């Protein structure tokens, strides 16, 4: 069997490697840290990012990204803010490059497909996104995801057998923009739901925030060329519901700490894993303003992360907004 490449040995990258290796496929997993490569290869563990998993023997770790250069399928799971730098180290070539990071690049406002198109112009891009807690995927618990293919049906026919496993079920889409925006926006909304939990505002408030946050996600997605049915699927609403309801979500946990009175700096200090929503919120809020898209929850999270207002202040401001019709229209 031809090996499958995975770039990034954080929790999600390691979990994907474990899932892909479950049928005996060889998986080549790139990690930046030399000591982590040694641990994975020698002890079959990743104590830094996914300590719960005993990794399959057919996962081989490397810190030489060039080792992946000849592989026909590579999953890029590096954090969104580092994707451009990491892909720049990978020799370009004709391959399927599956983007698994959920975020928007700070400073440029680029989605990951835009980042990858510049860094790897010869690759055919796809996006893998959906409601996925890494520890559950690694444990072989049932998981369904969106696999959005830029090459449409032909690429889907190549990639679906490579990624599908008995407990990892991809669903086809050709809407890369919608798949990416669902994953990026839900991270910011999960922070907001964590704030609600930290403030003790109750389940009614959380449900309302999820529903109104979904309206914001839809407004932004449609304005950027995504489709409503994509955002209503696994990579949008499905992922939003999951990450807005559990401390297993890094973004929810960040919001929880903010709601309990920590500053963003305190809540983010000393963390091995990345809460992508903290990086996405400011650039998403800026893009919304620039495009005239109403995203008050996203704007509130950005202000809270910047230290411009307290958790109770931003919640109060949201509750004091003018009464209006429910819906997803821009106004």
C-alpha atoms as a PDB file:
ATOM      1  CA  UNK A   1       0.000   0.000   0.000  1.00  0.00           C
ATOM      2  CA  UNK A   2       1.173   3.525  -0.786  1.00  0.00           C
ATOM      3  CA  UNK A   3       1.748   5.451   2.420  1.00  0.00           C
ATOM      4  CA  UNK A   4      -0.494   8.354   3.415  1.00  0.00           C
ATOM      5  CA  UNK A   5       1.194  11.527   4.653  1.00  0.00           C
ATOM      6  CA  UNK A   6       0.046  13.605   7.602  1.00  0.00           C
ATOM      7  CA  UNK A   7       1.663  16.985   8.283  1.00  0.00           C
ATOM      8  CA  UNK A   8       1.372  17.902  11.955  1.00  0.00           C
ATOM      9  CA  UNK A   9       1.545  15.671  15.030  1.00  0.00           C
ATOM     10  CA  UNK A  10      -0.706  17.688  17.283  1.00  0.00           C
ATOM     11  CA  UNK A  11      -3.796  16.050  18.730  1.00  0.00           C
ATOM     12  CA  UNK A  12      -5.816  16.189  15.511  1.00  0.00           C
ATOM     13  CA  UNK A  13      -2.984  15.168  13.198  1.00  0.00           C
ATOM     14  CA  UNK A  14      -2.061  12.251  15.448  1.00  0.00           C
ATOM     15  CA  UNK A  15      -5.699  11.159  15.707  1.00  0.00           C
ATOM     16  CA  UNK A  16      -6.070  11.207  11.918  1.00  0.00           C
ATOM     17  CA  UNK A  17      -2.869   9.199  11.540  1.00  0.00           C
ATOM     18  CA  UNK A  18      -4.205   6.639  14.021  1.00  0.00           C
ATOM     19  CA  UNK A  19      -7.539   6.395  12.205  1.00  0.00           C
ATOM     20  CA  UNK A  20      -5.922   6.023   8.793  1.00  0.00           C
ATOM     21  CA  UNK A  21      -3.551   3.377  10.116  1.00  0.00           C
ATOM     22  CA  UNK A  22      -6.436   1.307  11.526  1.00  0.00           C
ATOM     23  CA  UNK A  23      -6.800  -0.786   8.343  1.00  0.00           C
ATOM     24  CA  UNK A  24      -3.083  -1.519   8.095  1.00  0.00           C
ATOM     25  CA  UNK A  25      -2.214   1.427   5.836  1.00  0.00           C
ATOM     26  CA  UNK A  26       1.237   2.918   6.286  1.00  0.00           C
ATOM     27  CA  UNK A  27       1.093   6.487   7.586  1.00  0.00           C
ATOM     28  CA  UNK A  28       4.039   8.876   7.532  1.00  0.00           C
ATOM     29  CA  UNK A  29       3.517  11.527  10.217  1.00  0.00           C
ATOM     30  CA  UNK A  30       5.575  14.709  10.171  1.00  0.00           C
ATOM     31  CA  UNK A  31       6.301  16.429  13.496  1.00  0.00           C
ATOM     32  CA  UNK A  32       8.414  19.510  14.061  1.00  0.00           C
ATOM     33  CA  UNK A  33       9.813  18.339  17.409  1.00  0.00           C
ATOM     34  CA  UNK A  34      12.626  15.789  17.136  1.00  0.00           C
ATOM     35  CA  UNK A  35      11.923  14.439  20.619  1.00  0.00           C
ATOM     36  CA  UNK A  36       8.281  13.829  19.684  1.00  0.00           C
ATOM     37  CA  UNK A  37       9.349  11.915  16.578  1.00  0.00           C
ATOM     38  CA  UNK A  38      11.526   9.692  18.739  1.00  0.00           C
ATOM     39  CA  UNK A  39       8.727   9.123  21.246  1.00  0.00           C
ATOM     40  CA  UNK A  40       6.202   8.163  18.568  1.00  0.00           C
ATOM     41  CA  UNK A  41       8.595   5.770  16.847  1.00  0.00           C
ATOM     42  CA  UNK A  42      10.034   4.206  19.992  1.00  0.00           C
ATOM     43  CA  UNK A  43       7.171   4.252  22.505  1.00  0.00           C
ATOM     44  CA  UNK A  44       4.089   4.445  20.236  1.00  0.00           C
ATOM     45  CA  UNK A  45       2.793   7.407  22.278  1.00  0.00           C
ATOM     46  CA  UNK A  46       2.329  11.157  21.905  1.00  0.00           C
ATOM     47  CA  UNK A  47       2.360  12.292  25.517  1.00  0.00           C
ATOM     48  CA  UNK A  48       2.537  15.962  24.542  1.00  0.00           C
ATOM     49  CA  UNK A  49      -0.648  16.209  22.475  1.00  0.00           C
ATOM     50  CA  UNK A  50      -2.647  12.949  22.620  1.00  0.00           C
ATOM     51  CA  UNK A  51      -1.638  10.999  25.723  1.00  0.00           C
ATOM     52  CA  UNK A  52      -4.717   8.750  25.667  1.00  0.00           C
ATOM     53  CA  UNK A  53      -3.741   6.902  22.478  1.00  0.00           C
ATOM     54  CA  UNK A  54      -1.464   3.905  21.948  1.00  0.00           C
ATOM     55  CA  UNK A  55      -0.359   4.477  18.379  1.00  0.00           C
ATOM     56  CA  UNK A  56      -0.379   1.850  15.650  1.00  0.00           C
ATOM     57  CA  UNK A  57       2.919   0.275  14.622  1.00  0.00           C
ATOM     58  CA  UNK A  58       2.350   1.249  10.989  1.00  0.00           C
ATOM     59  CA  UNK A  59       2.652   4.966  11.851  1.00  0.00           C
ATOM     60  CA  UNK A  60       6.168   6.227  11.186  1.00  0.00           C
ATOM     61  CA  UNK A  61       7.090   9.703  12.430  1.00  0.00           C
ATOM     62  CA  UNK A  62       9.677  11.973  10.812  1.00  0.00           C
ATOM     63  CA  UNK A  63      10.862  15.536  11.263  1.00  0.00           C
ATOM     64  CA  UNK A  64      12.060  15.748   7.657  1.00  0.00           C
ATOM     65  CA  UNK A  65       9.102  17.078   5.689  1.00  0.00           C
ATOM     66  CA  UNK A  66      10.809  16.181   2.437  1.00  0.00           C
ATOM     67  CA  UNK A  67      10.191  12.522   3.305  1.00  0.00           C
ATOM     68  CA  UNK A  68       6.538  13.114   2.350  1.00  0.00           C
ATOM     69  CA  UNK A  69       7.323  14.674  -1.030  1.00  0.00           C
ATOM     70  CA  UNK A  70       6.550  11.630  -3.193  1.00  0.00           C
ATOM     71  CA  UNK A  71       3.309  10.646  -1.471  1.00  0.00           C
ATOM     72  CA  UNK A  72       0.153  11.030  -3.618  1.00  0.00           C
ATOM     73  CA  UNK A  73      -2.100  12.013  -0.677  1.00  0.00           C
ATOM     74  CA  UNK A  74      -1.083  14.294   2.182  1.00  0.00           C
ATOM     75  CA  UNK A  75      -3.294  15.593   4.971  1.00  0.00           C
ATOM     76  CA  UNK A  76      -2.141  19.041   6.133  1.00  0.00           C
ATOM     77  CA  UNK A  77      -2.998  19.364   9.824  1.00  0.00           C
ATOM     78  CA  UNK A  78      -0.551  22.108  10.826  1.00  0.00           C
ATOM     79  CA  UNK A  79      -2.188  24.980  12.750  1.00  0.00           C
ATOM     80  CA  UNK A  80      -3.798  27.562  10.491  1.00  0.00           C
ATOM     81  CA  UNK A  81      -1.352  30.322  11.388  1.00  0.00           C
ATOM     82  CA  UNK A  82       1.637  28.131  10.488  1.00  0.00           C
ATOM     83  CA  UNK A  83       0.307  26.402   7.387  1.00  0.00           C
ATOM     84  CA  UNK A  84       1.980  28.719   4.855  1.00  0.00           C
ATOM     85  CA  UNK A  85       5.393  28.341   6.496  1.00  0.00           C
ATOM     86  CA  UNK A  86       5.099  24.558   6.781  1.00  0.00           C
ATOM     87  CA  UNK A  87       3.879  24.006   3.205  1.00  0.00           C
ATOM     88  CA  UNK A  88       6.705  26.206   1.918  1.00  0.00           C
ATOM     89  CA  UNK A  89       9.113  23.535   3.190  1.00  0.00           C
ATOM     90  CA  UNK A  90       7.355  20.738   1.253  1.00  0.00           C
ATOM     91  CA  UNK A  91       8.543  20.285  -2.343  1.00  0.00           C
ATOM     92  CA  UNK A  92       5.624  21.100  -4.627  1.00  0.00           C
ATOM     93  CA  UNK A  93       4.205  18.374  -6.809  1.00  0.00           C
ATOM     94  CA  UNK A  94       1.024  16.894  -8.269  1.00  0.00           C
ATOM     95  CA  UNK A  95      -0.795  15.337  -5.328  1.00  0.00           C
ATOM     96  CA  UNK A  96      -4.034  15.498  -3.387  1.00  0.00           C
ATOM     97  CA  UNK A  97      -3.494  17.910  -0.496  1.00  0.00           C
ATOM     98  CA  UNK A  98      -6.266  17.624   2.096  1.00  0.00           C
ATOM     99  CA  UNK A  99      -6.545  20.685   4.353  1.00  0.00           C
ATOM    100  CA  UNK A 100      -7.569  19.852   7.915  1.00  0.00           C
ATOM    101  CA  UNK A 101      -6.776  23.077   9.809  1.00  0.00           C
ATOM    102  CA  UNK A 102      -9.732  25.269  10.797  1.00  0.00           C
ATOM    103  CA  UNK A 103      -8.927  28.953  10.733  1.00  0.00           C
ATOM    104  CA  UNK A 104      -8.316  32.178   8.828  1.00  0.00           C
ATOM    105  CA  UNK A 105      -4.783  33.486   8.386  1.00  0.00           C
ATOM    106  CA  UNK A 106      -4.123  36.526  10.582  1.00  0.00           C
ATOM    107  CA  UNK A 107      -2.843  39.556   8.720  1.00  0.00           C
ATOM    108  CA  UNK A 108      -4.071  38.429   5.310  1.00  0.00           C
ATOM    109  CA  UNK A 109      -7.601  37.133   5.923  1.00  0.00           C
ATOM    110  CA  UNK A 110      -6.886  34.155   3.675  1.00  0.00           C
ATOM    111  CA  UNK A 111      -8.683  30.851   4.011  1.00  0.00           C
ATOM    112  CA  UNK A 112      -6.465  27.765   4.109  1.00  0.00           C
ATOM    113  CA  UNK A 113      -7.246  26.882   0.476  1.00  0.00           C
ATOM    114  CA  UNK A 114      -5.902  30.279  -0.583  1.00  0.00           C
ATOM    115  CA  UNK A 115      -2.783  29.724   1.524  1.00  0.00           C
ATOM    116  CA  UNK A 116      -2.240  26.259   0.047  1.00  0.00           C
ATOM    117  CA  UNK A 117      -2.924  27.350  -3.533  1.00  0.00           C
ATOM    118  CA  UNK A 118      -0.022  29.781  -3.305  1.00  0.00           C
ATOM    119  CA  UNK A 119       2.340  27.472  -1.406  1.00  0.00           C
ATOM    120  CA  UNK A 120       1.541  24.302  -3.405  1.00  0.00           C
ATOM    121  CA  UNK A 121       0.205  25.344  -6.824  1.00  0.00           C
ATOM    122  CA  UNK A 122       0.624  21.883  -8.362  1.00  0.00           C
ATOM    123  CA  UNK A 123      -1.544  20.179  -5.746  1.00  0.00           C
ATOM    124  CA  UNK A 124      -5.247  19.465  -6.057  1.00  0.00           C
ATOM    125  CA  UNK A 125      -6.890  20.727  -2.885  1.00  0.00           C
ATOM    126  CA  UNK A 126      -9.569  19.240  -0.669  1.00  0.00           C
ATOM    127  CA  UNK A 127     -10.928  20.186   2.767  1.00  0.00           C
ATOM    128  CA  UNK A 128     -11.692  17.740   5.582  1.00  0.00           C
ATOM    129  CA  UNK A 129     -13.850  19.241   8.317  1.00  0.00           C
ATOM    130  CA  UNK A 130     -16.583  18.264  10.743  1.00  0.00           C
ATOM    131  CA  UNK A 131     -17.448  17.486  14.381  1.00  0.00           C
ATOM    132  CA  UNK A 132     -14.250  15.736  15.462  1.00  0.00           C
ATOM    133  CA  UNK A 133     -12.807  15.487  18.945  1.00  0.00           C
ATOM    134  CA  UNK A 134      -9.336  14.065  18.413  1.00  0.00           C
ATOM    135  CA  UNK A 135      -9.381  11.637  21.332  1.00  0.00           C
ATOM    136  CA  UNK A 136     -12.611  10.039  20.067  1.00  0.00           C
ATOM    137  CA  UNK A 137     -11.309   9.652  16.519  1.00  0.00           C
ATOM    138  CA  UNK A 138      -8.102   8.080  17.843  1.00  0.00           C
ATOM    139  CA  UNK A 139     -10.154   5.688  19.982  1.00  0.00           C
ATOM    140  CA  UNK A 140     -12.104   4.505  16.929  1.00  0.00           C
ATOM    141  CA  UNK A 141     -15.445   5.994  17.956  1.00  0.00           C
ATOM    142  CA  UNK A 142     -17.876   6.688  15.077  1.00  0.00           C
ATOM    143  CA  UNK A 143     -17.217  10.006  13.348  1.00  0.00           C
ATOM    144  CA  UNK A 144     -18.637  11.637  10.210  1.00  0.00           C
ATOM    145  CA  UNK A 145     -16.954  14.469   8.321  1.00  0.00           C
ATOM    146  CA  UNK A 146     -17.330  16.602   5.216  1.00  0.00           C
ATOM    147  CA  UNK A 147     -14.758  15.968   2.490  1.00  0.00           C
ATOM    148  CA  UNK A 148     -14.964  18.907   0.090  1.00  0.00           C
ATOM    149  CA  UNK A 149     -13.145  18.307  -3.191  1.00  0.00           C
ATOM    150  CA  UNK A 150     -11.971  20.993  -5.609  1.00  0.00           C
ATOM    151  CA  UNK A 151     -11.672  18.326  -8.304  1.00  0.00           C
ATOM    152  CA  UNK A 152     -15.295  17.358  -7.666  1.00  0.00           C
ATOM    153  CA  UNK A 153     -16.322  13.762  -8.404  1.00  0.00           C
ATOM    154  CA  UNK A 154     -13.006  12.504  -9.813  1.00  0.00           C
ATOM    155  CA  UNK A 155     -11.064  13.632  -6.766  1.00  0.00           C
ATOM    156  CA  UNK A 156     -13.739  12.265  -4.461  1.00  0.00           C
ATOM    157  CA  UNK A 157     -13.413   8.866  -6.144  1.00  0.00           C
ATOM    158  CA  UNK A 158      -9.672   8.920  -5.382  1.00  0.00           C
ATOM    159  CA  UNK A 159      -9.839  10.285  -1.854  1.00  0.00           C
ATOM    160  CA  UNK A 160     -12.905   8.619  -0.352  1.00  0.00           C
ATOM    161  CA  UNK A 161     -11.318   5.138  -0.203  1.00  0.00           C
ATOM    162  CA  UNK A 162      -8.084   6.607   1.188  1.00  0.00           C
ATOM    163  CA  UNK A 163      -9.818   8.401   4.061  1.00  0.00           C
ATOM    164  CA  UNK A 164     -12.889   6.272   4.761  1.00  0.00           C
ATOM    165  CA  UNK A 165     -12.685   3.733   7.571  1.00  0.00           C
ATOM    166  CA  UNK A 166     -15.427   1.746   9.331  1.00  0.00           C
ATOM    167  CA  UNK A 167     -15.646   4.430  12.046  1.00  0.00           C
ATOM    168  CA  UNK A 168     -14.572   7.448   9.944  1.00  0.00           C
ATOM    169  CA  UNK A 169     -17.231   8.287   7.347  1.00  0.00           C
ATOM    170  CA  UNK A 170     -16.682  11.137   4.852  1.00  0.00           C
ATOM    171  CA  UNK A 171     -19.570  12.847   3.035  1.00  0.00           C
ATOM    172  CA  UNK A 172     -18.954  14.459  -0.343  1.00  0.00           C
ATOM    173  CA  UNK A 173     -19.110  18.174  -1.103  1.00  0.00           C
ATOM    174  CA  UNK A 174     -17.621  20.388  -3.800  1.00  0.00           C
ATOM    175  CA  UNK A 175     -17.965  23.534  -1.646  1.00  0.00           C
ATOM    176  CA  UNK A 176     -14.467  24.214  -0.285  1.00  0.00           C
ATOM    177  CA  UNK A 177     -15.368  27.730   0.824  1.00  0.00           C
ATOM    178  CA  UNK A 178     -18.384  26.645   2.863  1.00  0.00           C
ATOM    179  CA  UNK A 179     -16.465  23.767   4.449  1.00  0.00           C
ATOM    180  CA  UNK A 180     -13.615  26.058   5.467  1.00  0.00           C
ATOM    181  CA  UNK A 181     -15.806  28.858   6.794  1.00  0.00           C
ATOM    182  CA  UNK A 182     -17.897  26.492   8.901  1.00  0.00           C
ATOM    183  CA  UNK A 183     -14.795  25.179  10.652  1.00  0.00           C
ATOM    184  CA  UNK A 184     -13.212  28.596  11.147  1.00  0.00           C
ATOM    185  CA  UNK A 185     -16.267  30.470  12.430  1.00  0.00           C
ATOM    186  CA  UNK A 186     -17.413  27.736  14.810  1.00  0.00           C
ATOM    187  CA  UNK A 187     -14.129  28.060  16.744  1.00  0.00           C
ATOM    188  CA  UNK A 188     -14.940  31.678  17.577  1.00  0.00           C
ATOM    189  CA  UNK A 189     -18.526  30.840  18.507  1.00  0.00           C
ATOM    190  CA  UNK A 190     -17.286  28.038  20.789  1.00  0.00           C
ATOM    191  CA  UNK A 191     -15.316  30.637  22.752  1.00  0.00           C
ATOM    192  CA  UNK A 192     -18.530  32.623  23.175  1.00  0.00           C
ATOM    193  CA  UNK A 193     -20.382  29.531  24.439  1.00  0.00           C
ATOM    194  CA  UNK A 194     -17.595  28.889  26.920  1.00  0.00           C
ATOM    195  CA  UNK A 195     -18.015  32.446  28.205  1.00  0.00           C
ATOM    196  CA  UNK A 196     -21.730  31.785  28.739  1.00  0.00           C
ATOM    197  CA  UNK A 197     -20.839  28.686  30.754  1.00  0.00           C
ATOM    198  CA  UNK A 198     -18.181  30.510  32.750  1.00  0.00           C
ATOM    199  CA  UNK A 199     -20.625  33.251  33.657  1.00  0.00           C
ATOM    200  CA  UNK A 200     -23.257  30.700  34.705  1.00  0.00           C
ATOM    201  CA  UNK A 201     -25.867  32.069  32.313  1.00  0.00           C
ATOM    202  CA  UNK A 202     -27.607  28.743  31.757  1.00  0.00           C
ATOM    203  CA  UNK A 203     -28.592  26.393  28.966  1.00  0.00           C
ATOM    204  CA  UNK A 204     -31.190  28.741  27.459  1.00  0.00           C
ATOM    205  CA  UNK A 205     -28.510  31.338  26.820  1.00  0.00           C
ATOM    206  CA  UNK A 206     -26.160  28.774  25.294  1.00  0.00           C
ATOM    207  CA  UNK A 207     -28.852  27.461  22.932  1.00  0.00           C
ATOM    208  CA  UNK A 208     -29.727  31.004  21.867  1.00  0.00           C
ATOM    209  CA  UNK A 209     -26.073  31.787  21.254  1.00  0.00           C
ATOM    210  CA  UNK A 210     -25.598  28.662  19.124  1.00  0.00           C
ATOM    211  CA  UNK A 211     -28.633  29.557  17.007  1.00  0.00           C
ATOM    212  CA  UNK A 212     -27.679  33.209  16.576  1.00  0.00           C
ATOM    213  CA  UNK A 213     -24.047  32.253  16.027  1.00  0.00           C
ATOM    214  CA  UNK A 214     -25.130  29.888  13.273  1.00  0.00           C
ATOM    215  CA  UNK A 215     -26.943  32.821  11.647  1.00  0.00           C
ATOM    216  CA  UNK A 216     -23.667  34.771  11.715  1.00  0.00           C
ATOM    217  CA  UNK A 217     -21.779  31.823  10.244  1.00  0.00           C
ATOM    218  CA  UNK A 218     -24.331  31.544   7.459  1.00  0.00           C
ATOM    219  CA  UNK A 219     -24.270  35.263   6.658  1.00  0.00           C
ATOM    220  CA  UNK A 220     -20.503  35.273   6.388  1.00  0.00           C
ATOM    221  CA  UNK A 221     -20.352  32.014   4.451  1.00  0.00           C
ATOM    222  CA  UNK A 222     -22.911  33.090   1.869  1.00  0.00           C
ATOM    223  CA  UNK A 223     -21.191  36.445   1.419  1.00  0.00           C
ATOM    224  CA  UNK A 224     -17.897  34.680   0.707  1.00  0.00           C
ATOM    225  CA  UNK A 225     -19.394  32.274  -1.828  1.00  0.00           C
ATOM    226  CA  UNK A 226     -20.195  29.268   0.357  1.00  0.00           C
ATOM    227  CA  UNK A 227     -23.511  27.439   0.214  1.00  0.00           C
ATOM    228  CA  UNK A 228     -26.208  27.300   2.875  1.00  0.00           C
ATOM    229  CA  UNK A 229     -26.534  23.511   2.668  1.00  0.00           C
ATOM    230  CA  UNK A 230     -22.826  23.093   3.390  1.00  0.00           C
ATOM    231  CA  UNK A 231     -23.040  25.302   6.464  1.00  0.00           C
ATOM    232  CA  UNK A 232     -26.102  23.339   7.621  1.00  0.00           C
ATOM    233  CA  UNK A 233     -24.098  20.113   7.431  1.00  0.00           C
ATOM    234  CA  UNK A 234     -21.354  18.376   9.376  1.00  0.00           C
ATOM    235  CA  UNK A 235     -18.667  21.014   8.783  1.00  0.00           C
ATOM    236  CA  UNK A 236     -20.915  23.877   9.893  1.00  0.00           C
ATOM    237  CA  UNK A 237     -23.828  23.242  12.220  1.00  0.00           C
ATOM    238  CA  UNK A 238     -22.577  19.791  13.221  1.00  0.00           C
ATOM    239  CA  UNK A 239     -19.164  21.065  14.263  1.00  0.00           C
ATOM    240  CA  UNK A 240     -20.719  24.097  15.955  1.00  0.00           C
ATOM    241  CA  UNK A 241     -22.979  21.976  18.166  1.00  0.00           C
ATOM    242  CA  UNK A 242     -20.093  19.724  19.219  1.00  0.00           C
ATOM    243  CA  UNK A 243     -17.579  22.418  20.099  1.00  0.00           C
ATOM    244  CA  UNK A 244     -20.116  24.614  21.865  1.00  0.00           C
ATOM    245  CA  UNK A 245     -21.040  21.953  24.382  1.00  0.00           C
ATOM    246  CA  UNK A 246     -17.921  20.384  25.878  1.00  0.00           C
ATOM    247  CA  UNK A 247     -14.720  21.294  27.694  1.00  0.00           C
ATOM    248  CA  UNK A 248     -13.016  18.782  25.369  1.00  0.00           C
ATOM    249  CA  UNK A 249     -13.098  21.719  22.936  1.00  0.00           C
ATOM    250  CA  UNK A 250     -10.024  23.923  23.379  1.00  0.00           C
ATOM    251  CA  UNK A 251     -11.983  26.947  22.204  1.00  0.00           C
ATOM    252  CA  UNK A 252     -14.865  26.277  24.611  1.00  0.00           C
ATOM    253  CA  UNK A 253     -12.350  25.832  27.452  1.00  0.00           C
ATOM    254  CA  UNK A 254     -10.740  29.169  26.564  1.00  0.00           C
ATOM    255  CA  UNK A 255     -14.128  30.893  26.709  1.00  0.00           C
ATOM    256  CA  UNK A 256     -14.912  29.161  29.996  1.00  0.00           C
ATOM    257  CA  UNK A 257     -11.734  30.595  31.511  1.00  0.00           C
ATOM    258  CA  UNK A 258     -12.581  34.071  30.182  1.00  0.00           C
ATOM    259  CA  UNK A 259     -16.086  33.843  31.628  1.00  0.00           C
ATOM    260  CA  UNK A 260     -14.622  32.864  34.995  1.00  0.00           C
ATOM    261  CA  UNK A 261     -12.529  36.032  35.040  1.00  0.00           C
ATOM    262  CA  UNK A 262      -9.175  35.163  33.477  1.00  0.00           C
ATOM    263  CA  UNK A 263      -7.568  37.426  30.919  1.00  0.00           C
ATOM    264  CA  UNK A 264      -6.872  36.030  27.464  1.00  0.00           C
ATOM    265  CA  UNK A 265      -3.151  36.026  28.212  1.00  0.00           C
ATOM    266  CA  UNK A 266      -3.661  34.031  31.394  1.00  0.00           C
ATOM    267  CA  UNK A 267      -6.046  31.572  29.741  1.00  0.00           C
ATOM    268  CA  UNK A 268      -3.710  30.912  26.807  1.00  0.00           C
ATOM    269  CA  UNK A 269      -0.453  30.730  28.771  1.00  0.00           C
ATOM    270  CA  UNK A 270       1.371  27.421  28.964  1.00  0.00           C
ATOM    271  CA  UNK A 271      -0.920  25.527  26.577  1.00  0.00           C
ATOM    272  CA  UNK A 272       0.593  22.892  24.278  1.00  0.00           C
ATOM    273  CA  UNK A 273      -2.386  22.822  21.922  1.00  0.00           C
ATOM    274  CA  UNK A 274      -3.794  25.724  19.922  1.00  0.00           C
ATOM    275  CA  UNK A 275      -7.206  27.344  20.400  1.00  0.00           C
ATOM    276  CA  UNK A 276      -7.583  28.438  16.775  1.00  0.00           C
ATOM    277  CA  UNK A 277     -10.538  30.684  17.575  1.00  0.00           C
ATOM    278  CA  UNK A 278      -8.280  33.084  19.492  1.00  0.00           C
ATOM    279  CA  UNK A 279      -6.359  33.804  16.271  1.00  0.00           C
ATOM    280  CA  UNK A 280      -9.403  33.722  14.014  1.00  0.00           C
ATOM    281  CA  UNK A 281     -11.664  36.074  16.010  1.00  0.00           C
ATOM    282  CA  UNK A 282      -9.873  39.395  15.330  1.00  0.00           C
ATOM    283  CA  UNK A 283      -9.365  38.783  11.608  1.00  0.00           C
ATOM    284  CA  UNK A 284     -12.911  37.438  11.194  1.00  0.00           C
ATOM    285  CA  UNK A 285     -14.361  40.471  12.978  1.00  0.00           C
ATOM    286  CA  UNK A 286     -12.316  42.758  10.728  1.00  0.00           C
ATOM    287  CA  UNK A 287     -13.405  40.968   7.560  1.00  0.00           C
ATOM    288  CA  UNK A 288     -17.044  41.196   8.658  1.00  0.00           C
ATOM    289  CA  UNK A 289     -16.826  44.945   9.223  1.00  0.00           C
ATOM    290  CA  UNK A 290     -15.020  45.450   5.923  1.00  0.00           C
ATOM    291  CA  UNK A 291     -17.735  43.512   4.078  1.00  0.00           C
ATOM    292  CA  UNK A 292     -20.694  45.011   5.961  1.00  0.00           C
ATOM    293  CA  UNK A 293     -21.700  41.661   7.484  1.00  0.00           C
ATOM    294  CA  UNK A 294     -23.368  41.774  10.899  1.00  0.00           C
ATOM    295  CA  UNK A 295     -21.486  39.417  13.270  1.00  0.00           C
ATOM    296  CA  UNK A 296     -22.063  40.847  16.761  1.00  0.00           C
ATOM    297  CA  UNK A 297     -21.091  37.648  18.611  1.00  0.00           C
ATOM    298  CA  UNK A 298     -17.806  37.395  16.721  1.00  0.00           C
ATOM    299  CA  UNK A 299     -17.134  41.090  17.368  1.00  0.00           C
ATOM    300  CA  UNK A 300     -17.830  40.598  21.080  1.00  0.00           C
ATOM    301  CA  UNK A 301     -15.365  37.686  21.283  1.00  0.00           C
ATOM    302  CA  UNK A 302     -12.714  39.749  19.495  1.00  0.00           C
ATOM    303  CA  UNK A 303     -13.175  42.631  21.966  1.00  0.00           C
ATOM    304  CA  UNK A 304     -13.010  40.256  24.917  1.00  0.00           C
ATOM    305  CA  UNK A 305      -9.802  38.620  23.661  1.00  0.00           C
ATOM    306  CA  UNK A 306      -8.261  42.050  23.077  1.00  0.00           C
ATOM    307  CA  UNK A 307      -9.020  43.058  26.674  1.00  0.00           C
ATOM    308  CA  UNK A 308     -11.294  45.890  25.534  1.00  0.00           C
ATOM    309  CA  UNK A 309     -14.247  44.751  27.666  1.00  0.00           C
ATOM    310  CA  UNK A 310     -15.079  42.251  30.378  1.00  0.00           C
ATOM    311  CA  UNK A 311     -17.107  39.091  29.782  1.00  0.00           C
ATOM    312  CA  UNK A 312     -20.147  40.551  31.540  1.00  0.00           C
ATOM    313  CA  UNK A 313     -19.863  43.774  29.558  1.00  0.00           C
ATOM    314  CA  UNK A 314     -19.857  42.067  26.166  1.00  0.00           C
ATOM    315  CA  UNK A 315     -22.802  39.848  27.143  1.00  0.00           C
ATOM    316  CA  UNK A 316     -24.683  42.929  28.333  1.00  0.00           C
ATOM    317  CA  UNK A 317     -23.991  44.682  25.048  1.00  0.00           C
ATOM    318  CA  UNK A 318     -25.291  41.720  23.063  1.00  0.00           C
ATOM    319  CA  UNK A 319     -28.480  41.585  25.124  1.00  0.00           C
ATOM    320  CA  UNK A 320     -29.012  45.326  24.653  1.00  0.00           C
ATOM    321  CA  UNK A 321     -28.907  45.178  20.843  1.00  0.00           C
ATOM    322  CA  UNK A 322     -32.017  46.484  19.034  1.00  0.00           C
ATOM    323  CA  UNK A 323     -34.858  44.005  18.613  1.00  0.00           C
ATOM    324  CA  UNK A 324     -35.125  42.618  15.086  1.00  0.00           C
ATOM    325  CA  UNK A 325     -36.503  39.793  12.969  1.00  0.00           C
ATOM    326  CA  UNK A 326     -34.842  36.414  13.245  1.00  0.00           C
ATOM    327  CA  UNK A 327     -32.891  35.354  10.181  1.00  0.00           C
ATOM    328  CA  UNK A 328     -29.572  35.407   8.387  1.00  0.00           C
ATOM    329  CA  UNK A 329     -29.924  38.586   6.334  1.00  0.00           C
ATOM    330  CA  UNK A 330     -26.905  40.934   6.352  1.00  0.00           C
ATOM    331  CA  UNK A 331     -28.575  43.754   8.329  1.00  0.00           C
END
